[in-house]
Amino acid sequence: MTFECRIGDVEFGSGRLALIAGPCMAESLDMCLLVANELKRICDEIRVGLVFKASFDKANRSSVAGYRGPGLQQGLEWLKKVRSQVGVPVITDVHEVSQAAPVGEALDALQIPAFLCRQTDLLVAAARTGKCVNVKKGQFMAPWDMKEAAAKVRSVGNQNVLLTERGTSFGYNRLVTDFRGIPQMQEFAPVVFDATHSVQEPGGLGSCSGGQRQYAPVLAGAAVAAGADALFIETHPDPAQAKSDAACQIPLGQMPALLDRCVRLFKAAR
């Protein structure tokens, strides 16, 4: 069975590559607008559907001292302006049941963080908004176990669900990607591959996570060759200065070449 879903006017599972991308954190309205406008320009040129992503709260920082973001109210105000001014659909994370309704009212899709992919109440609350729900596979989950996460979203009549592969825990501070998981999870929903979180080293720097961004393009290409329906890539104008996931995000200036290569691989693999 082949699954499809939509976020705004962007189709997933329809045979065309789609992209979920943006900075890890909504650091400012100006930065979000800069990144969204550049991504839209790139994606319009290569005919890739774009969904903009940024988080208003990073609730799972390694350290209690880590900056978490602008918060729900300010963050949604910024993201709504990106949506209206740039003309792209927007997705963001929800961490608590109480966040689902306001995010669903403001934006086009809700994302369930990997650590929370088994939280039934959160999944159901997100699904009740009627918007697309992107469930990131937990680092501790087998691909086939994500069948139940998708079923929780569909249990209230919402068929618009995505599953995202983002690596699996392998010892301490390491993730590996098993690309068999892409076709395995496609038995339950369209599958997105998260190229930048898959090279993360969770807690690897002690008070924050490390990462190996140089390998993200390699994994992205392998994922589309393995059949992924879409890519998830966090990108920043100056990753070294990013307030979260500084070691993983792709420099915005490198995105055209990365995406061009992935589009060619996507087409060649089909």
C-alpha atoms as a PDB file:
ATOM      1  CA  MET A   1       0.000   0.000   0.000  1.00  0.00           C
ATOM      2  CA  THR A   2       1.285   3.470  -0.912  1.00  0.00           C
ATOM      3  CA  PHE A   3       0.607   6.339   1.467  1.00  0.00           C
ATOM      4  CA  GLU A   4       0.452  10.046   0.685  1.00  0.00           C
ATOM      5  CA  CYS A   5      -0.110  13.140   2.780  1.00  0.00           C
ATOM      6  CA  ARG A   6       0.004  16.916   2.440  1.00  0.00           C
ATOM      7  CA  ILE A   7       1.291  19.907   4.365  1.00  0.00           C
ATOM      8  CA  GLY A   8      -0.319  22.932   2.765  1.00  0.00           C
ATOM      9  CA  ASP A   9       0.301  22.489  -0.955  1.00  0.00           C
ATOM     10  CA  VAL A  10       3.333  20.219  -0.487  1.00  0.00           C
ATOM     11  CA  GLU A  11       2.776  16.551  -1.246  1.00  0.00           C
ATOM     12  CA  PHE A  12       4.617  13.682   0.413  1.00  0.00           C
ATOM     13  CA  GLY A  13       4.690  10.224  -1.159  1.00  0.00           C
ATOM     14  CA  SER A  14       3.486  11.456  -4.547  1.00  0.00           C
ATOM     15  CA  GLY A  15       6.704  10.676  -6.423  1.00  0.00           C
ATOM     16  CA  ARG A  16       8.299  14.131  -6.079  1.00  0.00           C
ATOM     17  CA  LEU A  17      10.942  15.001  -3.517  1.00  0.00           C
ATOM     18  CA  ALA A  18       9.784  17.295  -0.709  1.00  0.00           C
ATOM     19  CA  LEU A  19      11.823  19.203   1.855  1.00  0.00           C
ATOM     20  CA  ILE A  20      11.258  20.196   5.474  1.00  0.00           C
ATOM     21  CA  ALA A  21      13.951  22.708   6.351  1.00  0.00           C
ATOM     22  CA  GLY A  22      14.881  25.740   8.401  1.00  0.00           C
ATOM     23  CA  PRO A  23      16.956  26.671  11.435  1.00  0.00           C
ATOM     24  CA  CYS A  24      16.838  24.404  14.460  1.00  0.00           C
ATOM     25  CA  MET A  25      15.518  27.229  16.630  1.00  0.00           C
ATOM     26  CA  ALA A  26      13.502  30.327  15.793  1.00  0.00           C
ATOM     27  CA  GLU A  27      16.230  32.681  17.002  1.00  0.00           C
ATOM     28  CA  SER A  28      14.628  35.835  15.596  1.00  0.00           C
ATOM     29  CA  LEU A  29      11.990  36.845  13.077  1.00  0.00           C
ATOM     30  CA  ASP A  30      14.597  38.365  10.766  1.00  0.00           C
ATOM     31  CA  MET A  31      16.679  35.204  10.709  1.00  0.00           C
ATOM     32  CA  CYS A  32      13.622  33.014  10.064  1.00  0.00           C
ATOM     33  CA  LEU A  33      12.556  35.243   7.177  1.00  0.00           C
ATOM     34  CA  LEU A  34      16.059  35.267   5.699  1.00  0.00           C
ATOM     35  CA  VAL A  35      16.329  31.473   5.760  1.00  0.00           C
ATOM     36  CA  ALA A  36      12.768  30.887   4.549  1.00  0.00           C
ATOM     37  CA  ASN A  37      13.119  33.281   1.615  1.00  0.00           C
ATOM     38  CA  GLU A  38      16.397  31.715   0.501  1.00  0.00           C
ATOM     39  CA  LEU A  39      15.058  28.178   0.826  1.00  0.00           C
ATOM     40  CA  LYS A  40      11.968  29.111  -1.169  1.00  0.00           C
ATOM     41  CA  ARG A  41      14.126  30.610  -3.916  1.00  0.00           C
ATOM     42  CA  ILE A  42      16.225  27.444  -4.095  1.00  0.00           C
ATOM     43  CA  CYS A  43      13.263  25.077  -3.994  1.00  0.00           C
ATOM     44  CA  ASP A  44      11.319  27.017  -6.620  1.00  0.00           C
ATOM     45  CA  GLU A  45      14.284  26.674  -8.988  1.00  0.00           C
ATOM     46  CA  ILE A  46      14.622  22.915  -8.537  1.00  0.00           C
ATOM     47  CA  ARG A  47      10.867  22.255  -8.171  1.00  0.00           C
ATOM     48  CA  VAL A  48      10.967  20.809  -4.686  1.00  0.00           C
ATOM     49  CA  GLY A  49       8.067  21.367  -2.322  1.00  0.00           C
ATOM     50  CA  LEU A  50       9.191  23.276   0.775  1.00  0.00           C
ATOM     51  CA  VAL A  51       7.842  23.227   4.320  1.00  0.00           C
ATOM     52  CA  PHE A  52       9.613  25.663   6.646  1.00  0.00           C
ATOM     53  CA  LYS A  53      10.571  24.394  10.109  1.00  0.00           C
ATOM     54  CA  ALA A  54      11.829  26.141  13.226  1.00  0.00           C
ATOM     55  CA  SER A  55      11.253  25.418  16.919  1.00  0.00           C
ATOM     56  CA  PHE A  56       9.818  27.900  19.420  1.00  0.00           C
ATOM     57  CA  ASP A  57      11.072  25.766  22.313  1.00  0.00           C
ATOM     58  CA  LYS A  58      13.892  23.228  22.567  1.00  0.00           C
ATOM     59  CA  ALA A  59      12.622  21.328  25.573  1.00  0.00           C
ATOM     60  CA  ASN A  60      15.309  18.619  25.579  1.00  0.00           C
ATOM     61  CA  ARG A  61      18.490  20.691  25.867  1.00  0.00           C
ATOM     62  CA  SER A  62      21.499  18.832  27.306  1.00  0.00           C
ATOM     63  CA  SER A  63      21.952  21.434  30.056  1.00  0.00           C
ATOM     64  CA  VAL A  64      19.461  23.380  32.123  1.00  0.00           C
ATOM     65  CA  ALA A  65      21.496  26.466  31.162  1.00  0.00           C
ATOM     66  CA  GLY A  66      20.883  25.940  27.442  1.00  0.00           C
ATOM     67  CA  TYR A  67      18.763  28.604  25.742  1.00  0.00           C
ATOM     68  CA  ARG A  68      15.395  27.090  24.825  1.00  0.00           C
ATOM     69  CA  GLY A  69      13.946  29.614  22.410  1.00  0.00           C
ATOM     70  CA  PRO A  70      11.389  32.434  22.284  1.00  0.00           C
ATOM     71  CA  GLY A  71       8.516  30.414  23.729  1.00  0.00           C
ATOM     72  CA  LEU A  72       5.076  29.527  22.402  1.00  0.00           C
ATOM     73  CA  GLN A  73       3.471  32.962  22.012  1.00  0.00           C
ATOM     74  CA  GLN A  74       6.424  34.828  20.509  1.00  0.00           C
ATOM     75  CA  GLY A  75       7.509  31.840  18.446  1.00  0.00           C
ATOM     76  CA  LEU A  76       4.095  31.362  16.860  1.00  0.00           C
ATOM     77  CA  GLU A  77       3.879  35.064  16.037  1.00  0.00           C
ATOM     78  CA  TRP A  78       7.171  34.831  14.158  1.00  0.00           C
ATOM     79  CA  LEU A  79       6.249  31.595  12.390  1.00  0.00           C
ATOM     80  CA  LYS A  80       2.868  32.950  11.298  1.00  0.00           C
ATOM     81  CA  LYS A  81       4.678  35.909   9.726  1.00  0.00           C
ATOM     82  CA  VAL A  82       7.002  33.533   7.870  1.00  0.00           C
ATOM     83  CA  ARG A  83       3.956  31.661   6.631  1.00  0.00           C
ATOM     84  CA  SER A  84       2.197  34.787   5.379  1.00  0.00           C
ATOM     85  CA  GLN A  85       5.154  36.827   4.119  1.00  0.00           C
ATOM     86  CA  VAL A  86       7.124  34.056   2.403  1.00  0.00           C
ATOM     87  CA  GLY A  87       4.129  32.004   1.303  1.00  0.00           C
ATOM     88  CA  VAL A  88       5.281  28.609   2.509  1.00  0.00           C
ATOM     89  CA  PRO A  89       3.625  26.092   4.849  1.00  0.00           C
ATOM     90  CA  VAL A  90       5.207  25.906   8.305  1.00  0.00           C
ATOM     91  CA  ILE A  91       5.726  23.113  10.852  1.00  0.00           C
ATOM     92  CA  THR A  92       6.998  23.225  14.424  1.00  0.00           C
ATOM     93  CA  ASP A  93       7.480  20.890  17.378  1.00  0.00           C
ATOM     94  CA  VAL A  94       5.002  20.343  20.188  1.00  0.00           C
ATOM     95  CA  HIS A  95       6.170  18.930  23.522  1.00  0.00           C
ATOM     96  CA  GLU A  96       3.015  19.145  25.628  1.00  0.00           C
ATOM     97  CA  VAL A  97      -0.670  18.410  25.029  1.00  0.00           C
ATOM     98  CA  SER A  98      -1.543  22.046  25.787  1.00  0.00           C
ATOM     99  CA  GLN A  99       0.601  23.258  22.866  1.00  0.00           C
ATOM    100  CA  ALA A 100      -1.183  21.208  20.200  1.00  0.00           C
ATOM    101  CA  ALA A 101      -4.318  23.333  19.747  1.00  0.00           C
ATOM    102  CA  PRO A 102      -2.613  26.748  19.433  1.00  0.00           C
ATOM    103  CA  VAL A 103       0.012  25.358  17.059  1.00  0.00           C
ATOM    104  CA  GLY A 104      -2.693  23.653  15.002  1.00  0.00           C
ATOM    105  CA  GLU A 105      -4.614  26.910  14.744  1.00  0.00           C
ATOM    106  CA  ALA A 106      -1.578  28.920  13.657  1.00  0.00           C
ATOM    107  CA  LEU A 107       0.454  26.606  11.415  1.00  0.00           C
ATOM    108  CA  ASP A 108       0.140  23.856   8.811  1.00  0.00           C
ATOM    109  CA  ALA A 109       1.603  20.844  10.613  1.00  0.00           C
ATOM    110  CA  LEU A 110       2.797  19.619  14.000  1.00  0.00           C
ATOM    111  CA  GLN A 111       5.953  17.650  14.713  1.00  0.00           C
ATOM    112  CA  ILE A 112       6.390  15.135  17.519  1.00  0.00           C
ATOM    113  CA  PRO A 113       9.997  15.042  18.792  1.00  0.00           C
ATOM    114  CA  ALA A 114      11.737  11.669  18.714  1.00  0.00           C
ATOM    115  CA  PHE A 115      11.924  11.346  22.499  1.00  0.00           C
ATOM    116  CA  LEU A 116       8.128  11.748  22.688  1.00  0.00           C
ATOM    117  CA  CYS A 117       7.020   9.460  19.855  1.00  0.00           C
ATOM    118  CA  ARG A 118       5.353   6.996  22.256  1.00  0.00           C
ATOM    119  CA  GLN A 119       3.397   9.639  24.202  1.00  0.00           C
ATOM    120  CA  THR A 120      -0.166   8.659  23.333  1.00  0.00           C
ATOM    121  CA  ASP A 121      -1.897  11.769  24.685  1.00  0.00           C
ATOM    122  CA  LEU A 122       0.464  14.054  22.777  1.00  0.00           C
ATOM    123  CA  LEU A 123       0.043  12.165  19.504  1.00  0.00           C
ATOM    124  CA  VAL A 124      -3.737  12.139  19.833  1.00  0.00           C
ATOM    125  CA  ALA A 125      -3.891  15.847  20.748  1.00  0.00           C
ATOM    126  CA  ALA A 126      -1.771  16.695  17.701  1.00  0.00           C
ATOM    127  CA  ALA A 127      -3.968  14.515  15.493  1.00  0.00           C
ATOM    128  CA  ARG A 128      -7.159  16.160  16.749  1.00  0.00           C
ATOM    129  CA  THR A 129      -6.048  19.472  15.219  1.00  0.00           C
ATOM    130  CA  GLY A 130      -6.709  17.930  11.814  1.00  0.00           C
ATOM    131  CA  LYS A 131      -3.290  19.070  10.603  1.00  0.00           C
ATOM    132  CA  CYS A 132      -0.517  16.800   9.354  1.00  0.00           C
ATOM    133  CA  VAL A 133       1.459  15.175  12.168  1.00  0.00           C
ATOM    134  CA  ASN A 134       5.124  14.345  11.562  1.00  0.00           C
ATOM    135  CA  VAL A 135       6.283  11.773  14.101  1.00  0.00           C
ATOM    136  CA  LYS A 136      10.037  11.465  14.444  1.00  0.00           C
ATOM    137  CA  LYS A 137      11.199   7.916  15.165  1.00  0.00           C
ATOM    138  CA  GLY A 138      12.719   7.613  18.613  1.00  0.00           C
ATOM    139  CA  GLN A 139      16.412   6.813  18.757  1.00  0.00           C
ATOM    140  CA  PHE A 140      15.342   3.795  20.822  1.00  0.00           C
ATOM    141  CA  MET A 141      12.647   2.537  18.421  1.00  0.00           C
ATOM    142  CA  ALA A 142      12.688  -0.168  15.764  1.00  0.00           C
ATOM    143  CA  PRO A 143      11.284   1.007  12.405  1.00  0.00           C
ATOM    144  CA  TRP A 144       8.440  -1.512  12.507  1.00  0.00           C
ATOM    145  CA  ASP A 145       7.358  -0.290  15.935  1.00  0.00           C
ATOM    146  CA  MET A 146       6.445   3.073  14.389  1.00  0.00           C
ATOM    147  CA  LYS A 147       3.354   1.376  13.011  1.00  0.00           C
ATOM    148  CA  GLU A 148       1.714   2.016  16.365  1.00  0.00           C
ATOM    149  CA  ALA A 149       2.708   5.690  16.417  1.00  0.00           C
ATOM    150  CA  ALA A 150       1.017   6.182  13.044  1.00  0.00           C
ATOM    151  CA  ALA A 151      -2.007   4.245  14.293  1.00  0.00           C
ATOM    152  CA  LYS A 152      -2.361   6.604  17.269  1.00  0.00           C
ATOM    153  CA  VAL A 153      -2.613   9.575  14.896  1.00  0.00           C
ATOM    154  CA  ARG A 154      -5.132   7.777  12.694  1.00  0.00           C
ATOM    155  CA  SER A 155      -7.176   6.605  15.696  1.00  0.00           C
ATOM    156  CA  VAL A 156      -9.061   9.929  15.745  1.00  0.00           C
ATOM    157  CA  GLY A 157      -9.614  10.016  11.988  1.00  0.00           C
ATOM    158  CA  ASN A 158      -6.540  11.980  10.931  1.00  0.00           C
ATOM    159  CA  GLN A 159      -4.925  10.182   7.989  1.00  0.00           C
ATOM    160  CA  ASN A 160      -2.345  12.915   7.387  1.00  0.00           C
ATOM    161  CA  VAL A 161       0.739  11.436   9.052  1.00  0.00           C
ATOM    162  CA  LEU A 162       4.459  11.338   8.280  1.00  0.00           C
ATOM    163  CA  LEU A 163       7.221   9.300   9.900  1.00  0.00           C
ATOM    164  CA  THR A 164      10.781  10.601  10.120  1.00  0.00           C
ATOM    165  CA  GLU A 165      13.972   8.563  10.403  1.00  0.00           C
ATOM    166  CA  ARG A 166      16.661  10.341  12.428  1.00  0.00           C
ATOM    167  CA  GLY A 167      19.144   7.682  13.480  1.00  0.00           C
ATOM    168  CA  THR A 168      19.310   5.049  16.187  1.00  0.00           C
ATOM    169  CA  SER A 169      21.333   5.088  19.408  1.00  0.00           C
ATOM    170  CA  PHE A 170      24.544   3.091  19.106  1.00  0.00           C
ATOM    171  CA  GLY A 171      26.440   3.102  22.383  1.00  0.00           C
ATOM    172  CA  TYR A 172      27.082   6.426  24.074  1.00  0.00           C
ATOM    173  CA  ASN A 173      26.777   9.782  22.238  1.00  0.00           C
ATOM    174  CA  ARG A 174      26.485   8.090  18.856  1.00  0.00           C
ATOM    175  CA  LEU A 175      23.751   7.514  16.296  1.00  0.00           C
ATOM    176  CA  VAL A 176      23.739   5.251  13.257  1.00  0.00           C
ATOM    177  CA  THR A 177      21.283   5.066  10.368  1.00  0.00           C
ATOM    178  CA  ASP A 178      19.868   1.776   9.136  1.00  0.00           C
ATOM    179  CA  PHE A 179      18.487   2.606   5.699  1.00  0.00           C
ATOM    180  CA  ARG A 180      16.335  -0.526   5.719  1.00  0.00           C
ATOM    181  CA  GLY A 181      14.106   1.474   8.043  1.00  0.00           C
ATOM    182  CA  ILE A 182      12.950   3.717   5.183  1.00  0.00           C
ATOM    183  CA  PRO A 183      11.064   1.043   3.184  1.00  0.00           C
ATOM    184  CA  GLN A 184      10.030  -0.654   6.439  1.00  0.00           C
ATOM    185  CA  MET A 185       8.319   2.497   7.724  1.00  0.00           C
ATOM    186  CA  GLN A 186       6.830   3.241   4.304  1.00  0.00           C
ATOM    187  CA  GLU A 187       4.482   0.363   5.029  1.00  0.00           C
ATOM    188  CA  PHE A 188       2.767   2.737   7.482  1.00  0.00           C
ATOM    189  CA  ALA A 189       3.233   6.287   6.083  1.00  0.00           C
ATOM    190  CA  PRO A 190       5.397   8.428   3.805  1.00  0.00           C
ATOM    191  CA  VAL A 191       8.925   8.652   5.234  1.00  0.00           C
ATOM    192  CA  VAL A 192      11.111  11.698   5.745  1.00  0.00           C
ATOM    193  CA  PHE A 193      14.847  11.378   6.368  1.00  0.00           C
ATOM    194  CA  ASP A 194      16.374  13.785   8.881  1.00  0.00           C
ATOM    195  CA  ALA A 195      19.896  14.276   7.573  1.00  0.00           C
ATOM    196  CA  THR A 196      21.170  16.696  10.205  1.00  0.00           C
ATOM    197  CA  HIS A 197      19.914  15.046  13.399  1.00  0.00           C
ATOM    198  CA  SER A 198      21.230  11.728  12.102  1.00  0.00           C
ATOM    199  CA  VAL A 199      24.790  13.084  12.403  1.00  0.00           C
ATOM    200  CA  GLN A 200      24.176  14.513  15.870  1.00  0.00           C
ATOM    201  CA  GLU A 201      26.212  13.304  18.840  1.00  0.00           C
ATOM    202  CA  PRO A 202      23.642  13.627  21.653  1.00  0.00           C
ATOM    203  CA  GLY A 203      25.256  15.217  24.696  1.00  0.00           C
ATOM    204  CA  GLY A 204      28.601  14.610  23.035  1.00  0.00           C
ATOM    205  CA  LEU A 205      30.140  17.883  24.199  1.00  0.00           C
ATOM    206  CA  GLY A 206      29.030  17.485  27.797  1.00  0.00           C
ATOM    207  CA  SER A 207      26.765  20.479  28.265  1.00  0.00           C
ATOM    208  CA  CYS A 208      25.521  20.340  24.664  1.00  0.00           C
ATOM    209  CA  SER A 209      25.338  17.985  21.703  1.00  0.00           C
ATOM    210  CA  GLY A 210      28.069  17.618  19.125  1.00  0.00           C
ATOM    211  CA  GLY A 211      27.805  16.445  15.561  1.00  0.00           C
ATOM    212  CA  GLN A 212      29.494  15.773  12.234  1.00  0.00           C
ATOM    213  CA  ARG A 213      27.703  17.974   9.716  1.00  0.00           C
ATOM    214  CA  GLN A 214      30.152  17.004   6.963  1.00  0.00           C
ATOM    215  CA  TYR A 215      28.418  13.631   6.690  1.00  0.00           C
ATOM    216  CA  ALA A 216      24.848  14.975   6.456  1.00  0.00           C
ATOM    217  CA  PRO A 217      24.984  15.349   2.640  1.00  0.00           C
ATOM    218  CA  VAL A 218      26.260  11.765   2.328  1.00  0.00           C
ATOM    219  CA  LEU A 219      23.368  10.418   4.400  1.00  0.00           C
ATOM    220  CA  ALA A 220      20.840  12.606   2.586  1.00  0.00           C
ATOM    221  CA  GLY A 221      21.924  11.203  -0.768  1.00  0.00           C
ATOM    222  CA  ALA A 222      21.832   7.644   0.535  1.00  0.00           C
ATOM    223  CA  ALA A 223      18.336   8.197   1.936  1.00  0.00           C
ATOM    224  CA  VAL A 224      16.798   9.413  -1.311  1.00  0.00           C
ATOM    225  CA  ALA A 225      18.516   6.550  -3.133  1.00  0.00           C
ATOM    226  CA  ALA A 226      16.918   4.201  -0.591  1.00  0.00           C
ATOM    227  CA  GLY A 227      13.502   5.609  -1.424  1.00  0.00           C
ATOM    228  CA  ALA A 228      12.821   8.354   1.145  1.00  0.00           C
ATOM    229  CA  ASP A 229       9.888  10.558   0.173  1.00  0.00           C
ATOM    230  CA  ALA A 230      11.340  13.729   1.663  1.00  0.00           C
ATOM    231  CA  LEU A 231      14.320  15.226   3.462  1.00  0.00           C
ATOM    232  CA  PHE A 232      14.499  17.132   6.729  1.00  0.00           C
ATOM    233  CA  ILE A 233      17.516  19.437   6.936  1.00  0.00           C
ATOM    234  CA  GLU A 234      18.297  22.090   9.512  1.00  0.00           C
ATOM    235  CA  THR A 235      20.193  25.018   8.035  1.00  0.00           C
ATOM    236  CA  HIS A 236      21.544  28.284   9.392  1.00  0.00           C
ATOM    237  CA  PRO A 237      23.317  31.311   7.887  1.00  0.00           C
ATOM    238  CA  ASP A 238      26.209  30.827  10.352  1.00  0.00           C
ATOM    239  CA  PRO A 239      25.957  27.456  12.123  1.00  0.00           C
ATOM    240  CA  ALA A 240      28.891  28.169  14.443  1.00  0.00           C
ATOM    241  CA  GLN A 241      26.788  30.936  16.012  1.00  0.00           C
ATOM    242  CA  ALA A 242      23.552  28.922  16.179  1.00  0.00           C
ATOM    243  CA  LYS A 243      21.894  28.737  19.591  1.00  0.00           C
ATOM    244  CA  SER A 244      21.174  25.011  19.211  1.00  0.00           C
ATOM    245  CA  ASP A 245      22.635  22.135  17.179  1.00  0.00           C
ATOM    246  CA  ALA A 246      25.535  24.303  16.047  1.00  0.00           C
ATOM    247  CA  ALA A 247      27.575  21.227  15.115  1.00  0.00           C
ATOM    248  CA  CYS A 248      24.915  19.689  12.872  1.00  0.00           C
ATOM    249  CA  GLN A 249      23.231  22.437  10.883  1.00  0.00           C
ATOM    250  CA  ILE A 250      24.178  22.931   7.237  1.00  0.00           C
ATOM    251  CA  PRO A 251      25.429  26.385   6.213  1.00  0.00           C
ATOM    252  CA  LEU A 252      22.663  28.039   4.220  1.00  0.00           C
ATOM    253  CA  GLY A 253      25.072  28.780   1.377  1.00  0.00           C
ATOM    254  CA  GLN A 254      25.664  25.040   0.866  1.00  0.00           C
ATOM    255  CA  MET A 255      22.008  24.158   0.429  1.00  0.00           C
ATOM    256  CA  PRO A 256      21.733  24.713  -3.361  1.00  0.00           C
ATOM    257  CA  ALA A 257      24.452  22.189  -4.199  1.00  0.00           C
ATOM    258  CA  LEU A 258      23.233  19.697  -1.592  1.00  0.00           C
ATOM    259  CA  LEU A 259      19.647  19.797  -2.814  1.00  0.00           C
ATOM    260  CA  ASP A 260      20.575  19.718  -6.488  1.00  0.00           C
ATOM    261  CA  ARG A 261      22.535  16.525  -5.915  1.00  0.00           C
ATOM    262  CA  CYS A 262      19.709  14.957  -3.913  1.00  0.00           C
ATOM    263  CA  VAL A 263      17.128  15.779  -6.596  1.00  0.00           C
ATOM    264  CA  ARG A 264      19.290  14.092  -9.222  1.00  0.00           C
ATOM    265  CA  LEU A 265      19.741  11.025  -7.010  1.00  0.00           C
ATOM    266  CA  PHE A 266      16.010  10.944  -6.239  1.00  0.00           C
ATOM    267  CA  LYS A 267      15.135  10.919  -9.937  1.00  0.00           C
ATOM    268  CA  ALA A 268      17.807   8.359 -10.804  1.00  0.00           C
ATOM    269  CA  ALA A 269      16.566   5.963  -8.128  1.00  0.00           C
ATOM    270  CA  ARG A 270      13.030   5.951  -9.490  1.00  0.00           C
END
